[in-house]
Amino acid sequence: MEQGKKTHTLIQQVNENPVDNRSIDPVVEPLTPLLDEVEIILDKQMVEWIAELRRLSDLIAGVRGGNFALVMISAADPEYKNLAPEWILEAALGKPEDWPKGFEVGLLNRSK
């Protein structure tokens, strides 16, 4: 469904379910299908991005002449949600001097 049509449908649903002063549920309920659609779109986008990262990983491995592990570390704990990538890496793996010897670790998305 086109974005303009989604917006029109959402507005129409809100207009058909006017809000009384006792509850906001009639407004929240029509938003649920739209939010579900957004989640589906974002999930599909993630799958496409991961496939692209794998493709790029193969290209990099070919140029470097060897395999490597492409790893994404996500903060599951809300305490780490807003940390810079460098801090997320350190929180997950410890200080760089404590990492196993013989491996090169490169952080691709350093803070700006």
PDB file of N, CA and C in Angstrom:
ATOM      1  N   MET A   1       0.851  -1.171   0.000  1.00  0.00           N
ATOM      2  CA  MET A   1       0.000   0.000   0.000  1.00  0.00           C
ATOM      3  C   MET A   1       0.896   1.233   0.000  1.00  0.00           C
ATOM      4  N   GLU A   2       0.553   2.215  -0.822  1.00  0.00           N
ATOM      5  CA  GLU A   2       1.339   3.430  -0.897  1.00  0.00           C
ATOM      6  C   GLU A   2       1.268   4.204   0.418  1.00  0.00           C
ATOM      7  N   GLN A   3       2.330   4.997   0.700  1.00  0.00           N
ATOM      8  CA  GLN A   3       2.389   5.752   1.954  1.00  0.00           C
ATOM      9  C   GLN A   3       1.207   6.700   2.079  1.00  0.00           C
ATOM     10  N   GLY A   4       0.865   7.430   1.003  1.00  0.00           N
ATOM     11  CA  GLY A   4      -0.257   8.364   1.054  1.00  0.00           C
ATOM     12  C   GLY A   4      -1.568   7.653   1.358  1.00  0.00           C
ATOM     13  N   LYS A   5      -1.755   6.476   0.768  1.00  0.00           N
ATOM     14  CA  LYS A   5      -2.968   5.700   1.010  1.00  0.00           C
ATOM     15  C   LYS A   5      -3.003   5.188   2.449  1.00  0.00           C
ATOM     16  N   LYS A   6      -1.817   4.777   2.992  1.00  0.00           N
ATOM     17  CA  LYS A   6      -1.751   4.341   4.391  1.00  0.00           C
ATOM     18  C   LYS A   6      -2.151   5.479   5.319  1.00  0.00           C
ATOM     19  N   THR A   7      -1.623   6.656   5.034  1.00  0.00           N
ATOM     20  CA  THR A   7      -1.936   7.812   5.871  1.00  0.00           C
ATOM     21  C   THR A   7      -3.421   8.115   5.795  1.00  0.00           C
ATOM     22  N   HIS A   8      -3.991   8.090   4.579  1.00  0.00           N
ATOM     23  CA  HIS A   8      -5.418   8.350   4.423  1.00  0.00           C
ATOM     24  C   HIS A   8      -6.236   7.320   5.187  1.00  0.00           C
ATOM     25  N   THR A   9      -5.848   6.039   5.084  1.00  0.00           N
ATOM     26  CA  THR A   9      -6.565   4.972   5.796  1.00  0.00           C
ATOM     27  C   THR A   9      -6.472   5.181   7.298  1.00  0.00           C
ATOM     28  N   LEU A  10      -5.307   5.544   7.786  1.00  0.00           N
ATOM     29  CA  LEU A  10      -5.123   5.786   9.213  1.00  0.00           C
ATOM     30  C   LEU A  10      -6.003   6.939   9.679  1.00  0.00           C
ATOM     31  N   ILE A  11      -6.005   8.026   8.926  1.00  0.00           N
ATOM     32  CA  ILE A  11      -6.839   9.176   9.286  1.00  0.00           C
ATOM     33  C   ILE A  11      -8.310   8.783   9.261  1.00  0.00           C
ATOM     34  N   GLN A  12      -8.711   8.023   8.258  1.00  0.00           N
ATOM     35  CA  GLN A  12     -10.099   7.570   8.163  1.00  0.00           C
ATOM     36  C   GLN A  12     -10.468   6.710   9.378  1.00  0.00           C
ATOM     37  N   GLN A  13      -9.569   5.806   9.794  1.00  0.00           N
ATOM     38  CA  GLN A  13      -9.845   4.963  10.951  1.00  0.00           C
ATOM     39  C   GLN A  13      -9.976   5.799  12.218  1.00  0.00           C
ATOM     40  N   VAL A  14      -9.114   6.791  12.358  1.00  0.00           N
ATOM     41  CA  VAL A  14      -9.184   7.648  13.536  1.00  0.00           C
ATOM     42  C   VAL A  14     -10.484   8.436  13.524  1.00  0.00           C
ATOM     43  N   ASN A  15     -10.889   8.939  12.363  1.00  0.00           N
ATOM     44  CA  ASN A  15     -12.134   9.712  12.273  1.00  0.00           C
ATOM     45  C   ASN A  15     -13.357   8.850  12.563  1.00  0.00           C
ATOM     46  N   GLU A  16     -13.296   7.584  12.177  1.00  0.00           N
ATOM     47  CA  GLU A  16     -14.426   6.694  12.426  1.00  0.00           C
ATOM     48  C   GLU A  16     -14.501   6.246  13.880  1.00  0.00           C
ATOM     49  N   ASN A  17     -13.416   6.389  14.614  1.00  0.00           N
ATOM     50  CA  ASN A  17     -13.363   6.003  16.018  1.00  0.00           C
ATOM     51  C   ASN A  17     -12.990   7.222  16.857  1.00  0.00           C
ATOM     52  N   PRO A  18     -13.900   8.166  17.004  1.00  0.00           N
ATOM     53  CA  PRO A  18     -13.539   9.385  17.730  1.00  0.00           C
ATOM     54  C   PRO A  18     -13.145   9.079  19.177  1.00  0.00           C
ATOM     55  N   VAL A  19     -12.254   9.880  19.673  1.00  0.00           N
ATOM     56  CA  VAL A  19     -11.742   9.703  21.022  1.00  0.00           C
ATOM     57  C   VAL A  19     -12.671  10.404  21.999  1.00  0.00           C
ATOM     58  N   ASP A  20     -13.090   9.659  23.028  1.00  0.00           N
ATOM     59  CA  ASP A  20     -13.797  10.352  24.105  1.00  0.00           C
ATOM     60  C   ASP A  20     -12.771  10.679  25.184  1.00  0.00           C
ATOM     61  N   ASN A  21     -13.115  11.494  26.110  1.00  0.00           N
ATOM     62  CA  ASN A  21     -12.164  11.953  27.114  1.00  0.00           C
ATOM     63  C   ASN A  21     -11.833  10.885  28.151  1.00  0.00           C
ATOM     64  N   ARG A  22     -12.514   9.756  28.105  1.00  0.00           N
ATOM     65  CA  ARG A  22     -12.282   8.717  29.100  1.00  0.00           C
ATOM     66  C   ARG A  22     -11.231   7.709  28.683  1.00  0.00           C
ATOM     67  N   SER A  23     -10.928   7.625  27.396  1.00  0.00           N
ATOM     68  CA  SER A  23     -10.025   6.584  26.939  1.00  0.00           C
ATOM     69  C   SER A  23      -9.327   7.008  25.655  1.00  0.00           C
ATOM     70  N   ILE A  24      -8.090   6.555  25.486  1.00  0.00           N
ATOM     71  CA  ILE A  24      -7.399   6.807  24.228  1.00  0.00           C
ATOM     72  C   ILE A  24      -7.318   5.537  23.382  1.00  0.00           C
ATOM     73  N   ASP A  25      -7.889   4.441  23.849  1.00  0.00           N
ATOM     74  CA  ASP A  25      -7.814   3.182  23.120  1.00  0.00           C
ATOM     75  C   ASP A  25      -8.300   3.263  21.678  1.00  0.00           C
ATOM     76  N   PRO A  26      -9.400   3.982  21.348  1.00  0.00           N
ATOM     77  CA  PRO A  26      -9.828   4.031  19.945  1.00  0.00           C
ATOM     78  C   PRO A  26      -8.761   4.609  19.019  1.00  0.00           C
ATOM     79  N   VAL A  27      -7.889   5.451  19.510  1.00  0.00           N
ATOM     80  CA  VAL A  27      -6.834   6.000  18.661  1.00  0.00           C
ATOM     81  C   VAL A  27      -5.679   5.014  18.551  1.00  0.00           C
ATOM     82  N   VAL A  28      -5.327   4.345  19.622  1.00  0.00           N
ATOM     83  CA  VAL A  28      -4.208   3.411  19.623  1.00  0.00           C
ATOM     84  C   VAL A  28      -4.525   2.191  18.772  1.00  0.00           C
ATOM     85  N   GLU A  29      -5.725   1.676  18.867  1.00  0.00           N
ATOM     86  CA  GLU A  29      -6.100   0.467  18.152  1.00  0.00           C
ATOM     87  C   GLU A  29      -5.909   0.580  16.644  1.00  0.00           C
ATOM     88  N   PRO A  30      -6.347   1.668  15.979  1.00  0.00           N
ATOM     89  CA  PRO A  30      -6.130   1.741  14.535  1.00  0.00           C
ATOM     90  C   PRO A  30      -4.651   1.815  14.145  1.00  0.00           C
ATOM     91  N   LEU A  31      -3.776   2.231  15.043  1.00  0.00           N
ATOM     92  CA  LEU A  31      -2.357   2.325  14.727  1.00  0.00           C
ATOM     93  C   LEU A  31      -1.686   0.964  14.686  1.00  0.00           C
ATOM     94  N   THR A  32      -2.241  -0.029  15.383  1.00  0.00           N
ATOM     95  CA  THR A  32      -1.599  -1.335  15.508  1.00  0.00           C
ATOM     96  C   THR A  32      -1.320  -1.990  14.154  1.00  0.00           C
ATOM     97  N   PRO A  33      -2.278  -2.052  13.209  1.00  0.00           N
ATOM     98  CA  PRO A  33      -1.954  -2.676  11.916  1.00  0.00           C
ATOM     99  C   PRO A  33      -0.825  -1.946  11.191  1.00  0.00           C
ATOM    100  N   LEU A  34      -0.800  -0.635  11.254  1.00  0.00           N
ATOM    101  CA  LEU A  34       0.252   0.127  10.592  1.00  0.00           C
ATOM    102  C   LEU A  34       1.608  -0.166  11.225  1.00  0.00           C
ATOM    103  N   LEU A  35       1.655  -0.240  12.556  1.00  0.00           N
ATOM    104  CA  LEU A  35       2.905  -0.549  13.241  1.00  0.00           C
ATOM    105  C   LEU A  35       3.379  -1.950  12.902  1.00  0.00           C
ATOM    106  N   ASP A  36       2.460  -2.902  12.765  1.00  0.00           N
ATOM    107  CA  ASP A  36       2.816  -4.266  12.373  1.00  0.00           C
ATOM    108  C   ASP A  36       3.426  -4.276  10.971  1.00  0.00           C
ATOM    109  N   GLU A  37       2.859  -3.485  10.048  1.00  0.00           N
ATOM    110  CA  GLU A  37       3.385  -3.398   8.694  1.00  0.00           C
ATOM    111  C   GLU A  37       4.794  -2.804   8.700  1.00  0.00           C
ATOM    112  N   VAL A  38       5.004  -1.794   9.506  1.00  0.00           N
ATOM    113  CA  VAL A  38       6.326  -1.178   9.605  1.00  0.00           C
ATOM    114  C   VAL A  38       7.334  -2.195  10.123  1.00  0.00           C
ATOM    115  N   GLU A  39       6.960  -2.968  11.120  1.00  0.00           N
ATOM    116  CA  GLU A  39       7.857  -3.987  11.670  1.00  0.00           C
ATOM    117  C   GLU A  39       8.215  -5.025  10.611  1.00  0.00           C
ATOM    118  N   ILE A  40       7.255  -5.442   9.805  1.00  0.00           N
ATOM    119  CA  ILE A  40       7.509  -6.409   8.729  1.00  0.00           C
ATOM    120  C   ILE A  40       8.474  -5.818   7.708  1.00  0.00           C
ATOM    121  N   ILE A  41       8.266  -4.568   7.341  1.00  0.00           N
ATOM    122  CA  ILE A  41       9.151  -3.895   6.377  1.00  0.00           C
ATOM    123  C   ILE A  41      10.570  -3.809   6.936  1.00  0.00           C
ATOM    124  N   LEU A  42      10.697  -3.433   8.203  1.00  0.00           N
ATOM    125  CA  LEU A  42      12.024  -3.326   8.815  1.00  0.00           C
ATOM    126  C   LEU A  42      12.708  -4.687   8.916  1.00  0.00           C
ATOM    127  N   ASP A  43      11.950  -5.732   9.225  1.00  0.00           N
ATOM    128  CA  ASP A  43      12.520  -7.084   9.279  1.00  0.00           C
ATOM    129  C   ASP A  43      13.057  -7.494   7.906  1.00  0.00           C
ATOM    130  N   LYS A  44      12.291  -7.209   6.839  1.00  0.00           N
ATOM    131  CA  LYS A  44      12.744  -7.533   5.484  1.00  0.00           C
ATOM    132  C   LYS A  44      13.997  -6.732   5.137  1.00  0.00           C
ATOM    133  N   GLN A  45      14.027  -5.459   5.537  1.00  0.00           N
ATOM    134  CA  GLN A  45      15.198  -4.623   5.265  1.00  0.00           C
ATOM    135  C   GLN A  45      16.433  -5.179   5.964  1.00  0.00           C
ATOM    136  N   MET A  46      16.267  -5.637   7.203  1.00  0.00           N
ATOM    137  CA  MET A  46      17.391  -6.227   7.935  1.00  0.00           C
ATOM    138  C   MET A  46      17.931  -7.452   7.200  1.00  0.00           C
ATOM    139  N   VAL A  47      17.058  -8.295   6.694  1.00  0.00           N
ATOM    140  CA  VAL A  47      17.480  -9.488   5.952  1.00  0.00           C
ATOM    141  C   VAL A  47      18.294  -9.068   4.728  1.00  0.00           C
ATOM    142  N   GLU A  48      17.836  -8.033   4.016  1.00  0.00           N
ATOM    143  CA  GLU A  48      18.557  -7.553   2.836  1.00  0.00           C
ATOM    144  C   GLU A  48      19.917  -6.978   3.225  1.00  0.00           C
ATOM    145  N   TRP A  49      19.980  -6.205   4.300  1.00  0.00           N
ATOM    146  CA  TRP A  49      21.246  -5.621   4.735  1.00  0.00           C
ATOM    147  C   TRP A  49      22.234  -6.698   5.163  1.00  0.00           C
ATOM    148  N   ILE A  50      21.757  -7.712   5.872  1.00  0.00           N
ATOM    149  CA  ILE A  50      22.642  -8.799   6.308  1.00  0.00           C
ATOM    150  C   ILE A  50      23.181  -9.548   5.088  1.00  0.00           C
ATOM    151  N   ALA A  51      22.336  -9.780   4.091  1.00  0.00           N
ATOM    152  CA  ALA A  51      22.799 -10.432   2.859  1.00  0.00           C
ATOM    153  C   ALA A  51      23.872  -9.580   2.182  1.00  0.00           C
ATOM    154  N   GLU A  52      23.690  -8.269   2.175  1.00  0.00           N
ATOM    155  CA  GLU A  52      24.683  -7.378   1.580  1.00  0.00           C
ATOM    156  C   GLU A  52      25.988  -7.405   2.378  1.00  0.00           C
ATOM    157  N   LEU A  53      25.902  -7.452   3.702  1.00  0.00           N
ATOM    158  CA  LEU A  53      27.108  -7.556   4.522  1.00  0.00           C
ATOM    159  C   LEU A  53      27.859  -8.853   4.234  1.00  0.00           C
ATOM    160  N   ARG A  54      27.134  -9.935   4.051  1.00  0.00           N
ATOM    161  CA  ARG A  54      27.774 -11.216   3.717  1.00  0.00           C
ATOM    162  C   ARG A  54      28.479 -11.125   2.367  1.00  0.00           C
ATOM    163  N   ARG A  55      27.827 -10.482   1.397  1.00  0.00           N
ATOM    164  CA  ARG A  55      28.430 -10.309   0.071  1.00  0.00           C
ATOM    165  C   ARG A  55      29.721  -9.496   0.180  1.00  0.00           C
ATOM    166  N   LEU A  56      29.657  -8.399   0.930  1.00  0.00           N
ATOM    167  CA  LEU A  56      30.843  -7.562   1.126  1.00  0.00           C
ATOM    168  C   LEU A  56      31.931  -8.321   1.877  1.00  0.00           C
ATOM    169  N   SER A  57      31.539  -9.141   2.835  1.00  0.00           N
ATOM    170  CA  SER A  57      32.485  -9.952   3.588  1.00  0.00           C
ATOM    171  C   SER A  57      33.259 -10.877   2.653  1.00  0.00           C
ATOM    172  N   ASP A  58      32.555 -11.500   1.716  1.00  0.00           N
ATOM    173  CA  ASP A  58      33.221 -12.378   0.746  1.00  0.00           C
ATOM    174  C   ASP A  58      34.201 -11.598  -0.122  1.00  0.00           C
ATOM    175  N   LEU A  59      33.819 -10.385  -0.530  1.00  0.00           N
ATOM    176  CA  LEU A  59      34.708  -9.553  -1.335  1.00  0.00           C
ATOM    177  C   LEU A  59      35.967  -9.179  -0.550  1.00  0.00           C
ATOM    178  N   ILE A  60      35.783  -8.775   0.699  1.00  0.00           N
ATOM    179  CA  ILE A  60      36.924  -8.396   1.543  1.00  0.00           C
ATOM    180  C   ILE A  60      37.839  -9.597   1.766  1.00  0.00           C
ATOM    181  N   ALA A  61      37.251 -10.758   2.042  1.00  0.00           N
ATOM    182  CA  ALA A  61      38.056 -11.969   2.255  1.00  0.00           C
ATOM    183  C   ALA A  61      38.870 -12.281   1.004  1.00  0.00           C
ATOM    184  N   GLY A  62      38.286 -12.094  -0.168  1.00  0.00           N
ATOM    185  CA  GLY A  62      39.010 -12.346  -1.413  1.00  0.00           C
ATOM    186  C   GLY A  62      40.188 -11.407  -1.591  1.00  0.00           C
ATOM    187  N   VAL A  63      40.000 -10.157  -1.271  1.00  0.00           N
ATOM    188  CA  VAL A  63      41.074  -9.165  -1.401  1.00  0.00           C
ATOM    189  C   VAL A  63      42.164  -9.403  -0.364  1.00  0.00           C
ATOM    190  N   ARG A  64      41.763  -9.746   0.855  1.00  0.00           N
ATOM    191  CA  ARG A  64      42.745  -9.955   1.935  1.00  0.00           C
ATOM    192  C   ARG A  64      43.418 -11.323   1.834  1.00  0.00           C
ATOM    193  N   GLY A  65      42.865 -12.211   1.067  1.00  0.00           N
ATOM    194  CA  GLY A  65      43.479 -13.519   0.888  1.00  0.00           C
ATOM    195  C   GLY A  65      43.222 -14.485   2.025  1.00  0.00           C
ATOM    196  N   GLY A  66      42.154 -14.317   2.747  1.00  0.00           N
ATOM    197  CA  GLY A  66      41.834 -15.245   3.831  1.00  0.00           C
ATOM    198  C   GLY A  66      40.488 -14.935   4.445  1.00  0.00           C
ATOM    199  N   ASN A  67      39.952 -15.902   5.121  1.00  0.00           N
ATOM    200  CA  ASN A  67      38.647 -15.721   5.750  1.00  0.00           C
ATOM    201  C   ASN A  67      38.757 -14.914   7.033  1.00  0.00           C
ATOM    202  N   PHE A  68      37.642 -14.384   7.449  1.00  0.00           N
ATOM    203  CA  PHE A  68      37.550 -13.684   8.719  1.00  0.00           C
ATOM    204  C   PHE A  68      36.129 -13.822   9.224  1.00  0.00           C
ATOM    205  N   ALA A  69      35.943 -13.543  10.490  1.00  0.00           N
ATOM    206  CA  ALA A  69      34.611 -13.622  11.096  1.00  0.00           C
ATOM    207  C   ALA A  69      34.016 -12.224  11.129  1.00  0.00           C
ATOM    208  N   LEU A  70      32.885 -12.073  10.522  1.00  0.00           N
ATOM    209  CA  LEU A  70      32.151 -10.810  10.555  1.00  0.00           C
ATOM    210  C   LEU A  70      31.132 -10.940  11.676  1.00  0.00           C
ATOM    211  N   VAL A  71      31.265 -10.112  12.704  1.00  0.00           N
ATOM    212  CA  VAL A  71      30.460 -10.249  13.910  1.00  0.00           C
ATOM    213  C   VAL A  71      29.750  -8.936  14.203  1.00  0.00           C
ATOM    214  N   MET A  72      28.489  -9.027  14.595  1.00  0.00           N
ATOM    215  CA  MET A  72      27.761  -7.854  15.048  1.00  0.00           C
ATOM    216  C   MET A  72      27.399  -8.080  16.507  1.00  0.00           C
ATOM    217  N   ILE A  73      27.782  -7.143  17.335  1.00  0.00           N
ATOM    218  CA  ILE A  73      27.488  -7.241  18.760  1.00  0.00           C
ATOM    219  C   ILE A  73      26.414  -6.209  19.082  1.00  0.00           C
ATOM    220  N   SER A  74      25.269  -6.685  19.508  1.00  0.00           N
ATOM    221  CA  SER A  74      24.161  -5.799  19.870  1.00  0.00           C
ATOM    222  C   SER A  74      24.013  -5.778  21.381  1.00  0.00           C
ATOM    223  N   ALA A  75      23.715  -4.617  21.899  1.00  0.00           N
ATOM    224  CA  ALA A  75      23.502  -4.482  23.335  1.00  0.00           C
ATOM    225  C   ALA A  75      22.096  -4.960  23.681  1.00  0.00           C
ATOM    226  N   ALA A  76      21.997  -6.082  24.378  1.00  0.00           N
ATOM    227  CA  ALA A  76      20.691  -6.606  24.787  1.00  0.00           C
ATOM    228  C   ALA A  76      20.200  -5.929  26.058  1.00  0.00           C
ATOM    229  N   ASP A  77      21.126  -5.461  26.870  1.00  0.00           N
ATOM    230  CA  ASP A  77      20.799  -4.800  28.126  1.00  0.00           C
ATOM    231  C   ASP A  77      20.540  -3.317  27.862  1.00  0.00           C
ATOM    232  N   PRO A  78      19.398  -2.788  28.307  1.00  0.00           N
ATOM    233  CA  PRO A  78      19.105  -1.365  28.080  1.00  0.00           C
ATOM    234  C   PRO A  78      20.190  -0.429  28.610  1.00  0.00           C
ATOM    235  N   GLU A  79      20.949  -0.894  29.580  1.00  0.00           N
ATOM    236  CA  GLU A  79      22.040  -0.093  30.151  1.00  0.00           C
ATOM    237  C   GLU A  79      23.083   0.263  29.084  1.00  0.00           C
ATOM    238  N   TYR A  80      23.250  -0.599  28.075  1.00  0.00           N
ATOM    239  CA  TYR A  80      24.257  -0.402  27.045  1.00  0.00           C
ATOM    240  C   TYR A  80      23.683   0.219  25.764  1.00  0.00           C
ATOM    241  N   LYS A  81      22.400   0.493  25.723  1.00  0.00           N
ATOM    242  CA  LYS A  81      21.724   0.904  24.498  1.00  0.00           C
ATOM    243  C   LYS A  81      22.357   2.113  23.813  1.00  0.00           C
ATOM    244  N   ASN A  82      22.746   3.119  24.556  1.00  0.00           N
ATOM    245  CA  ASN A  82      23.254   4.354  23.962  1.00  0.00           C
ATOM    246  C   ASN A  82      24.772   4.479  24.004  1.00  0.00           C
ATOM    247  N   LEU A  83      25.464   3.378  24.219  1.00  0.00           N
ATOM    248  CA  LEU A  83      26.925   3.419  24.248  1.00  0.00           C
ATOM    249  C   LEU A  83      27.490   3.548  22.843  1.00  0.00           C
ATOM    250  N   ALA A  84      28.643   4.185  22.746  1.00  0.00           N
ATOM    251  CA  ALA A  84      29.376   4.265  21.479  1.00  0.00           C
ATOM    252  C   ALA A  84      29.833   2.864  21.086  1.00  0.00           C
ATOM    253  N   PRO A  85      29.989   2.607  19.789  1.00  0.00           N
ATOM    254  CA  PRO A  85      30.425   1.273  19.342  1.00  0.00           C
ATOM    255  C   PRO A  85      31.703   0.784  20.025  1.00  0.00           C
ATOM    256  N   GLU A  86      32.658   1.690  20.259  1.00  0.00           N
ATOM    257  CA  GLU A  86      33.901   1.288  20.925  1.00  0.00           C
ATOM    258  C   GLU A  86      33.627   0.740  22.318  1.00  0.00           C
ATOM    259  N   TRP A  87      32.706   1.354  23.033  1.00  0.00           N
ATOM    260  CA  TRP A  87      32.380   0.916  24.391  1.00  0.00           C
ATOM    261  C   TRP A  87      31.595  -0.396  24.378  1.00  0.00           C
ATOM    262  N   ILE A  88      30.734  -0.571  23.374  1.00  0.00           N
ATOM    263  CA  ILE A  88      30.000  -1.841  23.250  1.00  0.00           C
ATOM    264  C   ILE A  88      30.990  -2.979  23.020  1.00  0.00           C
ATOM    265  N   LEU A  89      31.951  -2.752  22.127  1.00  0.00           N
ATOM    266  CA  LEU A  89      32.959  -3.768  21.851  1.00  0.00           C
ATOM    267  C   LEU A  89      33.756  -4.105  23.104  1.00  0.00           C
ATOM    268  N   GLU A  90      34.175  -3.085  23.831  1.00  0.00           N
ATOM    269  CA  GLU A  90      34.963  -3.315  25.044  1.00  0.00           C
ATOM    270  C   GLU A  90      34.135  -3.997  26.128  1.00  0.00           C
ATOM    271  N   ALA A  91      32.857  -3.610  26.247  1.00  0.00           N
ATOM    272  CA  ALA A  91      31.996  -4.242  27.252  1.00  0.00           C
ATOM    273  C   ALA A  91      31.801  -5.727  26.939  1.00  0.00           C
ATOM    274  N   ALA A  92      31.726  -6.061  25.656  1.00  0.00           N
ATOM    275  CA  ALA A  92      31.504  -7.451  25.264  1.00  0.00           C
ATOM    276  C   ALA A  92      32.774  -8.299  25.315  1.00  0.00           C
ATOM    277  N   LEU A  93      33.903  -7.728  24.893  1.00  0.00           N
ATOM    278  CA  LEU A  93      35.123  -8.521  24.758  1.00  0.00           C
ATOM    279  C   LEU A  93      36.236  -8.162  25.733  1.00  0.00           C
ATOM    280  N   GLY A  94      36.019  -7.145  26.542  1.00  0.00           N
ATOM    281  CA  GLY A  94      37.064  -6.713  27.463  1.00  0.00           C
ATOM    282  C   GLY A  94      37.999  -5.716  26.790  1.00  0.00           C
ATOM    283  N   LYS A  95      39.041  -5.365  27.477  1.00  0.00           N
ATOM    284  CA  LYS A  95      40.024  -4.413  26.949  1.00  0.00           C
ATOM    285  C   LYS A  95      40.819  -5.061  25.815  1.00  0.00           C
ATOM    286  N   PRO A  96      41.196  -4.270  24.797  1.00  0.00           N
ATOM    287  CA  PRO A  96      41.936  -4.840  23.663  1.00  0.00           C
ATOM    288  C   PRO A  96      43.188  -5.607  24.074  1.00  0.00           C
ATOM    289  N   GLU A  97      43.875  -5.158  25.097  1.00  0.00           N
ATOM    290  CA  GLU A  97      45.103  -5.866  25.510  1.00  0.00           C
ATOM    291  C   GLU A  97      44.800  -7.257  26.076  1.00  0.00           C
ATOM    292  N   ASP A  98      43.542  -7.516  26.442  1.00  0.00           N
ATOM    293  CA  ASP A  98      43.149  -8.822  26.972  1.00  0.00           C
ATOM    294  C   ASP A  98      42.666  -9.787  25.883  1.00  0.00           C
ATOM    295  N   TRP A  99      42.530  -9.299  24.647  1.00  0.00           N
ATOM    296  CA  TRP A  99      42.053 -10.145  23.563  1.00  0.00           C
ATOM    297  C   TRP A  99      43.119 -11.166  23.188  1.00  0.00           C
ATOM    298  N   PRO A 100      42.707 -12.300  22.640  1.00  0.00           N
ATOM    299  CA  PRO A 100      43.693 -13.316  22.244  1.00  0.00           C
ATOM    300  C   PRO A 100      44.701 -12.763  21.241  1.00  0.00           C
ATOM    301  N   LYS A 101      45.953 -13.169  21.398  1.00  0.00           N
ATOM    302  CA  LYS A 101      47.011 -12.743  20.483  1.00  0.00           C
ATOM    303  C   LYS A 101      46.875 -13.496  19.159  1.00  0.00           C
ATOM    304  N   GLY A 102      47.323 -12.876  18.093  1.00  0.00           N
ATOM    305  CA  GLY A 102      47.294 -13.518  16.786  1.00  0.00           C
ATOM    306  C   GLY A 102      46.067 -13.183  15.967  1.00  0.00           C
ATOM    307  N   PHE A 103      45.220 -12.298  16.489  1.00  0.00           N
ATOM    308  CA  PHE A 103      44.030 -11.872  15.764  1.00  0.00           C
ATOM    309  C   PHE A 103      44.035 -10.359  15.612  1.00  0.00           C
ATOM    310  N   GLU A 104      43.562  -9.898  14.484  1.00  0.00           N
ATOM    311  CA  GLU A 104      43.392  -8.474  14.263  1.00  0.00           C
ATOM    312  C   GLU A 104      41.908  -8.175  14.398  1.00  0.00           C
ATOM    313  N   VAL A 105      41.563  -7.209  15.233  1.00  0.00           N
ATOM    314  CA  VAL A 105      40.167  -6.831  15.427  1.00  0.00           C
ATOM    315  C   VAL A 105      39.995  -5.426  14.877  1.00  0.00           C
ATOM    316  N   GLY A 106      39.063  -5.269  13.957  1.00  0.00           N
ATOM    317  CA  GLY A 106      38.796  -3.958  13.377  1.00  0.00           C
ATOM    318  C   GLY A 106      37.346  -3.565  13.601  1.00  0.00           C
ATOM    319  N   LEU A 107      37.143  -2.420  14.199  1.00  0.00           N
ATOM    320  CA  LEU A 107      35.799  -1.898  14.418  1.00  0.00           C
ATOM    321  C   LEU A 107      35.429  -1.034  13.217  1.00  0.00           C
ATOM    322  N   LEU A 108      34.427  -1.470  12.462  1.00  0.00           N
ATOM    323  CA  LEU A 108      34.075  -0.799  11.216  1.00  0.00           C
ATOM    324  C   LEU A 108      33.201   0.435  11.398  1.00  0.00           C
ATOM    325  N   ASN A 109      32.530   0.541  12.524  1.00  0.00           N
ATOM    326  CA  ASN A 109      31.620   1.670  12.718  1.00  0.00           C
ATOM    327  C   ASN A 109      32.022   2.497  13.948  1.00  0.00           C
ATOM    328  N   ARG A 110      33.232   3.014  13.900  1.00  0.00           N
ATOM    329  CA  ARG A 110      33.717   3.848  15.001  1.00  0.00           C
ATOM    330  C   ARG A 110      32.843   5.094  15.168  1.00  0.00           C
ATOM    331  N   SER A 111      32.838   5.623  16.377  1.00  0.00           N
ATOM    332  CA  SER A 111      32.108   6.859  16.645  1.00  0.00           C
ATOM    333  C   SER A 111      32.666   7.987  15.794  1.00  0.00           C
ATOM    334  N   LYS A 112      31.781   8.905  15.442  1.00  0.00           N
ATOM    335  CA  LYS A 112      32.209  10.048  14.632  1.00  0.00           C
ATOM    336  C   LYS A 112      32.627  11.190  15.492  1.00  0.00           C
TER     337      LYS A 112
END
